[in-house]
Amino acid sequence: MKKCLGVVIGAAVWGALLYVQGTPVIDEQIAEDVVRSVHPDTAFCETERIGAGDTESFHVAYVTADMHQGEVTFAKDGHVLLAEE
């Protein structure tokens, strides 16, 4: 019971800290890191900033070691807008 209560309290405190800190916005480096984490065999990766302000997004094009190509577009808030392989 104590362990379960500790987990619940810990999760509540962690959630509160994340809420107070806020969610970081996506930038070019984070968008590229996400693509590289999903495709660890990425040989080439290029990131382009598209738009400005609230409509800003990041377009990442990549090529894997076995020559598969793909594109991913991330919104500024981190949502995936488009993913093509």
PDB file of N, CA and C in Angstrom:
ATOM      1  N   MET A   1       0.827  -1.194   0.000  1.00  0.00           N
ATOM      2  CA  MET A   1       0.000   0.000   0.000  1.00  0.00           C
ATOM      3  C   MET A   1       0.871   1.257   0.000  1.00  0.00           C
ATOM      4  N   LYS A   2       1.944   1.246   0.820  1.00  0.00           N
ATOM      5  CA  LYS A   2       2.827   2.409   0.882  1.00  0.00           C
ATOM      6  C   LYS A   2       3.504   2.640  -0.466  1.00  0.00           C
ATOM      7  N   LYS A   3       3.900   1.535  -1.105  1.00  0.00           N
ATOM      8  CA  LYS A   3       4.576   1.648  -2.393  1.00  0.00           C
ATOM      9  C   LYS A   3       3.633   2.246  -3.438  1.00  0.00           C
ATOM     10  N   CYS A   4       2.400   1.794  -3.467  1.00  0.00           N
ATOM     11  CA  CYS A   4       1.405   2.295  -4.411  1.00  0.00           C
ATOM     12  C   CYS A   4       1.133   3.780  -4.161  1.00  0.00           C
ATOM     13  N   LEU A   5       0.997   4.146  -2.905  1.00  0.00           N
ATOM     14  CA  LEU A   5       0.765   5.544  -2.550  1.00  0.00           C
ATOM     15  C   LEU A   5       1.968   6.405  -2.947  1.00  0.00           C
ATOM     16  N   GLY A   6       3.172   5.881  -2.742  1.00  0.00           N
ATOM     17  CA  GLY A   6       4.382   6.602  -3.130  1.00  0.00           C
ATOM     18  C   GLY A   6       4.459   6.837  -4.628  1.00  0.00           C
ATOM     19  N   VAL A   7       4.050   5.837  -5.410  1.00  0.00           N
ATOM     20  CA  VAL A   7       4.054   5.969  -6.863  1.00  0.00           C
ATOM     21  C   VAL A   7       3.056   7.035  -7.300  1.00  0.00           C
ATOM     22  N   VAL A   8       1.872   7.030  -6.712  1.00  0.00           N
ATOM     23  CA  VAL A   8       0.843   8.011  -7.067  1.00  0.00           C
ATOM     24  C   VAL A   8       1.298   9.423  -6.706  1.00  0.00           C
ATOM     25  N   ILE A   9       1.840   9.592  -5.514  1.00  0.00           N
ATOM     26  CA  ILE A   9       2.313  10.916  -5.091  1.00  0.00           C
ATOM     27  C   ILE A   9       3.487  11.362  -5.966  1.00  0.00           C
ATOM     28  N   GLY A  10       4.406  10.447  -6.259  1.00  0.00           N
ATOM     29  CA  GLY A  10       5.538  10.774  -7.125  1.00  0.00           C
ATOM     30  C   GLY A  10       5.089  11.208  -8.510  1.00  0.00           C
ATOM     31  N   ALA A  11       4.118  10.499  -9.076  1.00  0.00           N
ATOM     32  CA  ALA A  11       3.605  10.859 -10.398  1.00  0.00           C
ATOM     33  C   ALA A  11       2.914  12.218 -10.363  1.00  0.00           C
ATOM     34  N   ALA A  12       2.188  12.499  -9.284  1.00  0.00           N
ATOM     35  CA  ALA A  12       1.517  13.794  -9.154  1.00  0.00           C
ATOM     36  C   ALA A  12       2.531  14.931  -9.056  1.00  0.00           C
ATOM     37  N   VAL A  13       3.570  14.738  -8.262  1.00  0.00           N
ATOM     38  CA  VAL A  13       4.608  15.767  -8.122  1.00  0.00           C
ATOM     39  C   VAL A  13       5.328  15.961  -9.450  1.00  0.00           C
ATOM     40  N   TRP A  14       5.673  14.870 -10.127  1.00  0.00           N
ATOM     41  CA  TRP A  14       6.356  14.952 -11.413  1.00  0.00           C
ATOM     42  C   TRP A  14       5.482  15.684 -12.432  1.00  0.00           C
ATOM     43  N   GLY A  15       4.210  15.350 -12.488  1.00  0.00           N
ATOM     44  CA  GLY A  15       3.283  16.021 -13.405  1.00  0.00           C
ATOM     45  C   GLY A  15       3.159  17.506 -13.105  1.00  0.00           C
ATOM     46  N   ALA A  16       3.106  17.843 -11.815  1.00  0.00           N
ATOM     47  CA  ALA A  16       3.018  19.253 -11.428  1.00  0.00           C
ATOM     48  C   ALA A  16       4.273  20.013 -11.842  1.00  0.00           C
ATOM     49  N   LEU A  17       5.436  19.404 -11.673  1.00  0.00           N
ATOM     50  CA  LEU A  17       6.682  20.061 -12.078  1.00  0.00           C
ATOM     51  C   LEU A  17       6.736  20.269 -13.592  1.00  0.00           C
ATOM     52  N   LEU A  18       6.298  19.280 -14.351  1.00  0.00           N
ATOM     53  CA  LEU A  18       6.267  19.434 -15.804  1.00  0.00           C
ATOM     54  C   LEU A  18       5.285  20.520 -16.219  1.00  0.00           C
ATOM     55  N   TYR A  19       4.157  20.598 -15.530  1.00  0.00           N
ATOM     56  CA  TYR A  19       3.155  21.620 -15.838  1.00  0.00           C
ATOM     57  C   TYR A  19       3.704  23.014 -15.562  1.00  0.00           C
ATOM     58  N   VAL A  20       4.385  23.177 -14.436  1.00  0.00           N
ATOM     59  CA  VAL A  20       4.949  24.476 -14.070  1.00  0.00           C
ATOM     60  C   VAL A  20       6.072  24.858 -15.035  1.00  0.00           C
ATOM     61  N   GLN A  21       6.886  23.888 -15.407  1.00  0.00           N
ATOM     62  CA  GLN A  21       8.009  24.147 -16.305  1.00  0.00           C
ATOM     63  C   GLN A  21       7.526  24.504 -17.705  1.00  0.00           C
ATOM     64  N   GLY A  22       6.456  23.907 -18.138  1.00  0.00           N
ATOM     65  CA  GLY A  22       5.959  24.138 -19.489  1.00  0.00           C
ATOM     66  C   GLY A  22       6.580  23.167 -20.470  1.00  0.00           C
ATOM     67  N   THR A  23       5.972  23.063 -21.621  1.00  0.00           N
ATOM     68  CA  THR A  23       6.472  22.171 -22.660  1.00  0.00           C
ATOM     69  C   THR A  23       7.415  22.947 -23.568  1.00  0.00           C
ATOM     70  N   PRO A  24       8.616  22.456 -23.780  1.00  0.00           N
ATOM     71  CA  PRO A  24       9.532  23.186 -24.659  1.00  0.00           C
ATOM     72  C   PRO A  24       9.056  23.126 -26.107  1.00  0.00           C
ATOM     73  N   VAL A  25       9.354  24.167 -26.859  1.00  0.00           N
ATOM     74  CA  VAL A  25       8.986  24.172 -28.275  1.00  0.00           C
ATOM     75  C   VAL A  25      10.032  23.389 -29.062  1.00  0.00           C
ATOM     76  N   ILE A  26       9.617  22.907 -30.195  1.00  0.00           N
ATOM     77  CA  ILE A  26      10.494  22.136 -31.064  1.00  0.00           C
ATOM     78  C   ILE A  26      11.398  23.106 -31.836  1.00  0.00           C
ATOM     79  N   ASP A  27      12.653  22.736 -32.026  1.00  0.00           N
ATOM     80  CA  ASP A  27      13.542  23.483 -32.908  1.00  0.00           C
ATOM     81  C   ASP A  27      14.148  22.503 -33.915  1.00  0.00           C
ATOM     82  N   GLU A  28      15.023  23.002 -34.781  1.00  0.00           N
ATOM     83  CA  GLU A  28      15.588  22.158 -35.834  1.00  0.00           C
ATOM     84  C   GLU A  28      16.330  20.950 -35.271  1.00  0.00           C
ATOM     85  N   GLN A  29      17.112  21.170 -34.229  1.00  0.00           N
ATOM     86  CA  GLN A  29      17.917  20.090 -33.658  1.00  0.00           C
ATOM     87  C   GLN A  29      17.043  19.000 -33.041  1.00  0.00           C
ATOM     88  N   ILE A  30      15.996  19.396 -32.326  1.00  0.00           N
ATOM     89  CA  ILE A  30      15.102  18.413 -31.704  1.00  0.00           C
ATOM     90  C   ILE A  30      14.378  17.610 -32.781  1.00  0.00           C
ATOM     91  N   ALA A  31      13.906  18.270 -33.840  1.00  0.00           N
ATOM     92  CA  ALA A  31      13.216  17.565 -34.925  1.00  0.00           C
ATOM     93  C   ALA A  31      14.140  16.539 -35.581  1.00  0.00           C
ATOM     94  N   GLU A  32      15.388  16.938 -35.803  1.00  0.00           N
ATOM     95  CA  GLU A  32      16.354  16.012 -36.404  1.00  0.00           C
ATOM     96  C   GLU A  32      16.670  14.857 -35.460  1.00  0.00           C
ATOM     97  N   ASP A  33      16.799  15.139 -34.170  1.00  0.00           N
ATOM     98  CA  ASP A  33      17.083  14.082 -33.191  1.00  0.00           C
ATOM     99  C   ASP A  33      15.950  13.063 -33.119  1.00  0.00           C
ATOM    100  N   VAL A  34      14.707  13.525 -33.252  1.00  0.00           N
ATOM    101  CA  VAL A  34      13.564  12.604 -33.232  1.00  0.00           C
ATOM    102  C   VAL A  34      13.644  11.651 -34.418  1.00  0.00           C
ATOM    103  N   VAL A  35      13.930  12.184 -35.597  1.00  0.00           N
ATOM    104  CA  VAL A  35      14.029  11.339 -36.795  1.00  0.00           C
ATOM    105  C   VAL A  35      15.181  10.349 -36.651  1.00  0.00           C
ATOM    106  N   ARG A  36      16.320  10.809 -36.151  1.00  0.00           N
ATOM    107  CA  ARG A  36      17.471   9.916 -35.975  1.00  0.00           C
ATOM    108  C   ARG A  36      17.203   8.841 -34.917  1.00  0.00           C
ATOM    109  N   SER A  37      16.378   9.140 -33.912  1.00  0.00           N
ATOM    110  CA  SER A  37      16.075   8.124 -32.899  1.00  0.00           C
ATOM    111  C   SER A  37      15.139   7.051 -33.455  1.00  0.00           C
ATOM    112  N   VAL A  38      14.254   7.430 -34.363  1.00  0.00           N
ATOM    113  CA  VAL A  38      13.345   6.461 -34.979  1.00  0.00           C
ATOM    114  C   VAL A  38      14.065   5.657 -36.062  1.00  0.00           C
ATOM    115  N   HIS A  39      14.993   6.301 -36.764  1.00  0.00           N
ATOM    116  CA  HIS A  39      15.769   5.654 -37.827  1.00  0.00           C
ATOM    117  C   HIS A  39      17.255   5.765 -37.479  1.00  0.00           C
ATOM    118  N   PRO A  40      17.760   4.886 -36.615  1.00  0.00           N
ATOM    119  CA  PRO A  40      19.158   5.002 -36.173  1.00  0.00           C
ATOM    120  C   PRO A  40      20.181   4.792 -37.284  1.00  0.00           C
ATOM    121  N   ASP A  41      19.782   4.200 -38.392  1.00  0.00           N
ATOM    122  CA  ASP A  41      20.718   3.987 -39.501  1.00  0.00           C
ATOM    123  C   ASP A  41      20.693   5.140 -40.509  1.00  0.00           C
ATOM    124  N   THR A  42      20.239   6.317 -40.065  1.00  0.00           N
ATOM    125  CA  THR A  42      20.173   7.483 -40.941  1.00  0.00           C
ATOM    126  C   THR A  42      21.575   7.906 -41.368  1.00  0.00           C
ATOM    127  N   ALA A  43      21.778   7.979 -42.685  1.00  0.00           N
ATOM    128  CA  ALA A  43      23.075   8.390 -43.219  1.00  0.00           C
ATOM    129  C   ALA A  43      23.112   9.894 -43.476  1.00  0.00           C
ATOM    130  N   PHE A  44      21.966  10.486 -43.814  1.00  0.00           N
ATOM    131  CA  PHE A  44      21.898  11.908 -44.123  1.00  0.00           C
ATOM    132  C   PHE A  44      20.571  12.449 -43.623  1.00  0.00           C
ATOM    133  N   CYS A  45      20.605  13.625 -43.021  1.00  0.00           N
ATOM    134  CA  CYS A  45      19.393  14.230 -42.482  1.00  0.00           C
ATOM    135  C   CYS A  45      19.483  15.741 -42.677  1.00  0.00           C
ATOM    136  N   GLU A  46      18.448  16.340 -43.246  1.00  0.00           N
ATOM    137  CA  GLU A  46      18.425  17.784 -43.496  1.00  0.00           C
ATOM    138  C   GLU A  46      17.126  18.361 -42.932  1.00  0.00           C
ATOM    139  N   THR A  47      17.235  19.443 -42.163  1.00  0.00           N
ATOM    140  CA  THR A  47      16.079  20.064 -41.530  1.00  0.00           C
ATOM    141  C   THR A  47      15.876  21.464 -42.082  1.00  0.00           C
ATOM    142  N   GLU A  48      14.613  21.799 -42.364  1.00  0.00           N
ATOM    143  CA  GLU A  48      14.283  23.121 -42.891  1.00  0.00           C
ATOM    144  C   GLU A  48      13.136  23.715 -42.077  1.00  0.00           C
ATOM    145  N   ARG A  49      13.288  24.983 -41.684  1.00  0.00           N
ATOM    146  CA  ARG A  49      12.228  25.701 -40.967  1.00  0.00           C
ATOM    147  C   ARG A  49      11.274  26.282 -42.008  1.00  0.00           C
ATOM    148  N   ILE A  50       9.973  26.045 -41.808  1.00  0.00           N
ATOM    149  CA  ILE A  50       8.963  26.517 -42.748  1.00  0.00           C
ATOM    150  C   ILE A  50       7.992  27.421 -42.001  1.00  0.00           C
ATOM    151  N   GLY A  51       7.677  28.568 -42.562  1.00  0.00           N
ATOM    152  CA  GLY A  51       6.720  29.489 -41.964  1.00  0.00           C
ATOM    153  C   GLY A  51       7.330  30.288 -40.828  1.00  0.00           C
ATOM    154  N   ALA A  52       6.453  31.010 -40.118  1.00  0.00           N
ATOM    155  CA  ALA A  52       6.890  31.837 -38.993  1.00  0.00           C
ATOM    156  C   ALA A  52       5.738  31.982 -38.009  1.00  0.00           C
ATOM    157  N   GLY A  53       6.086  32.283 -36.783  1.00  0.00           N
ATOM    158  CA  GLY A  53       5.069  32.502 -35.758  1.00  0.00           C
ATOM    159  C   GLY A  53       4.338  31.228 -35.385  1.00  0.00           C
ATOM    160  N   ASP A  54       3.011  31.324 -35.299  1.00  0.00           N
ATOM    161  CA  ASP A  54       2.197  30.178 -34.880  1.00  0.00           C
ATOM    162  C   ASP A  54       2.128  29.083 -35.937  1.00  0.00           C
ATOM    163  N   THR A  55       2.382  29.430 -37.197  1.00  0.00           N
ATOM    164  CA  THR A  55       2.299  28.433 -38.266  1.00  0.00           C
ATOM    165  C   THR A  55       3.652  27.808 -38.577  1.00  0.00           C
ATOM    166  N   GLU A  56       4.649  28.096 -37.758  1.00  0.00           N
ATOM    167  CA  GLU A  56       5.994  27.572 -37.996  1.00  0.00           C
ATOM    168  C   GLU A  56       6.017  26.045 -37.863  1.00  0.00           C
ATOM    169  N   SER A  57       6.745  25.401 -38.767  1.00  0.00           N
ATOM    170  CA  SER A  57       6.914  23.948 -38.701  1.00  0.00           C
ATOM    171  C   SER A  57       8.324  23.605 -39.176  1.00  0.00           C
ATOM    172  N   PHE A  58       8.697  22.345 -38.990  1.00  0.00           N
ATOM    173  CA  PHE A  58      10.034  21.885 -39.350  1.00  0.00           C
ATOM    174  C   PHE A  58       9.913  20.661 -40.241  1.00  0.00           C
ATOM    175  N   HIS A  59      10.507  20.748 -41.402  1.00  0.00           N
ATOM    176  CA  HIS A  59      10.476  19.669 -42.383  1.00  0.00           C
ATOM    177  C   HIS A  59      11.831  18.965 -42.349  1.00  0.00           C
ATOM    178  N   VAL A  60      11.813  17.657 -42.080  1.00  0.00           N
ATOM    179  CA  VAL A  60      13.047  16.877 -41.986  1.00  0.00           C
ATOM    180  C   VAL A  60      13.037  15.826 -43.091  1.00  0.00           C
ATOM    181  N   ALA A  61      14.054  15.862 -43.945  1.00  0.00           N
ATOM    182  CA  ALA A  61      14.235  14.851 -44.986  1.00  0.00           C
ATOM    183  C   ALA A  61      15.433  13.998 -44.591  1.00  0.00           C
ATOM    184  N   TYR A  62      15.315  12.694 -44.790  1.00  0.00           N
ATOM    185  CA  TYR A  62      16.402  11.804 -44.381  1.00  0.00           C
ATOM    186  C   TYR A  62      16.589  10.676 -45.386  1.00  0.00           C
ATOM    187  N   VAL A  63      17.794  10.117 -45.377  1.00  0.00           N
ATOM    188  CA  VAL A  63      18.141   8.947 -46.186  1.00  0.00           C
ATOM    189  C   VAL A  63      18.834   7.971 -45.251  1.00  0.00           C
ATOM    190  N   THR A  64      18.376   6.717 -45.246  1.00  0.00           N
ATOM    191  CA  THR A  64      18.992   5.707 -44.390  1.00  0.00           C
ATOM    192  C   THR A  64      20.186   5.077 -45.102  1.00  0.00           C
ATOM    193  N   ALA A  65      20.935   4.276 -44.376  1.00  0.00           N
ATOM    194  CA  ALA A  65      22.136   3.635 -44.925  1.00  0.00           C
ATOM    195  C   ALA A  65      21.812   2.723 -46.107  1.00  0.00           C
ATOM    196  N   ASP A  66      20.619   2.104 -46.108  1.00  0.00           N
ATOM    197  CA  ASP A  66      20.243   1.244 -47.234  1.00  0.00           C
ATOM    198  C   ASP A  66      19.422   2.006 -48.283  1.00  0.00           C
ATOM    199  N   MET A  67      19.585   3.346 -48.324  1.00  0.00           N
ATOM    200  CA  MET A  67      19.040   4.242 -49.344  1.00  0.00           C
ATOM    201  C   MET A  67      17.520   4.389 -49.331  1.00  0.00           C
ATOM    202  N   HIS A  68      16.857   4.136 -48.214  1.00  0.00           N
ATOM    203  CA  HIS A  68      15.438   4.456 -48.091  1.00  0.00           C
ATOM    204  C   HIS A  68      15.315   5.935 -47.756  1.00  0.00           C
ATOM    205  N   GLN A  69      14.388   6.615 -48.414  1.00  0.00           N
ATOM    206  CA  GLN A  69      14.199   8.044 -48.193  1.00  0.00           C
ATOM    207  C   GLN A  69      12.891   8.282 -47.469  1.00  0.00           C
ATOM    208  N   GLY A  70      12.839   9.363 -46.712  1.00  0.00           N
ATOM    209  CA  GLY A  70      11.614   9.713 -46.028  1.00  0.00           C
ATOM    210  C   GLY A  70      11.596  11.181 -45.659  1.00  0.00           C
ATOM    211  N   GLU A  71      10.409  11.661 -45.328  1.00  0.00           N
ATOM    212  CA  GLU A  71      10.216  13.042 -44.925  1.00  0.00           C
ATOM    213  C   GLU A  71       9.252  13.083 -43.754  1.00  0.00           C
ATOM    214  N   VAL A  72       9.520  13.969 -42.813  1.00  0.00           N
ATOM    215  CA  VAL A  72       8.637  14.167 -41.670  1.00  0.00           C
ATOM    216  C   VAL A  72       8.511  15.666 -41.451  1.00  0.00           C
ATOM    217  N   THR A  73       7.284  16.135 -41.205  1.00  0.00           N
ATOM    218  CA  THR A  73       7.060  17.538 -40.887  1.00  0.00           C
ATOM    219  C   THR A  73       6.467  17.624 -39.491  1.00  0.00           C
ATOM    220  N   PHE A  74       7.125  18.397 -38.627  1.00  0.00           N
ATOM    221  CA  PHE A  74       6.692  18.586 -37.248  1.00  0.00           C
ATOM    222  C   PHE A  74       6.127  19.987 -37.073  1.00  0.00           C
ATOM    223  N   ALA A  75       5.022  20.101 -36.341  1.00  0.00           N
ATOM    224  CA  ALA A  75       4.512  21.416 -35.954  1.00  0.00           C
ATOM    225  C   ALA A  75       5.385  21.968 -34.839  1.00  0.00           C
ATOM    226  N   LYS A  76       5.254  23.251 -34.582  1.00  0.00           N
ATOM    227  CA  LYS A  76       6.061  23.902 -33.550  1.00  0.00           C
ATOM    228  C   LYS A  76       5.812  23.287 -32.176  1.00  0.00           C
ATOM    229  N   ASP A  77       4.592  22.779 -31.953  1.00  0.00           N
ATOM    230  CA  ASP A  77       4.260  22.186 -30.654  1.00  0.00           C
ATOM    231  C   ASP A  77       4.610  20.706 -30.564  1.00  0.00           C
ATOM    232  N   GLY A  78       5.214  20.133 -31.615  1.00  0.00           N
ATOM    233  CA  GLY A  78       5.679  18.756 -31.559  1.00  0.00           C
ATOM    234  C   GLY A  78       4.809  17.739 -32.265  1.00  0.00           C
ATOM    235  N   HIS A  79       3.632  18.127 -32.734  1.00  0.00           N
ATOM    236  CA  HIS A  79       2.776  17.185 -33.449  1.00  0.00           C
ATOM    237  C   HIS A  79       3.359  16.868 -34.823  1.00  0.00           C
ATOM    238  N   VAL A  80       3.191  15.637 -35.250  1.00  0.00           N
ATOM    239  CA  VAL A  80       3.634  15.239 -36.585  1.00  0.00           C
ATOM    240  C   VAL A  80       2.537  15.633 -37.564  1.00  0.00           C
ATOM    241  N   LEU A  81       2.879  16.498 -38.512  1.00  0.00           N
ATOM    242  CA  LEU A  81       1.912  16.946 -39.507  1.00  0.00           C
ATOM    243  C   LEU A  81       1.891  16.046 -40.727  1.00  0.00           C
ATOM    244  N   LEU A  82       3.071  15.538 -41.118  1.00  0.00           N
ATOM    245  CA  LEU A  82       3.178  14.715 -42.315  1.00  0.00           C
ATOM    246  C   LEU A  82       4.359  13.770 -42.165  1.00  0.00           C
ATOM    247  N   ALA A  83       4.145  12.513 -42.491  1.00  0.00           N
ATOM    248  CA  ALA A  83       5.240  11.537 -42.461  1.00  0.00           C
ATOM    249  C   ALA A  83       5.121  10.659 -43.699  1.00  0.00           C
ATOM    250  N   GLU A  84       6.159  10.679 -44.519  1.00  0.00           N
ATOM    251  CA  GLU A  84       6.187   9.872 -45.743  1.00  0.00           C
ATOM    252  C   GLU A  84       7.467   9.068 -45.777  1.00  0.00           C
ATOM    253  N   GLU A  85       7.352   7.811 -46.152  1.00  0.00           N
ATOM    254  CA  GLU A  85       8.538   6.958 -46.301  1.00  0.00           C
ATOM    255  C   GLU A  85       8.626   6.448 -47.687  1.00  0.00           C
TER     256      GLU A  85
END
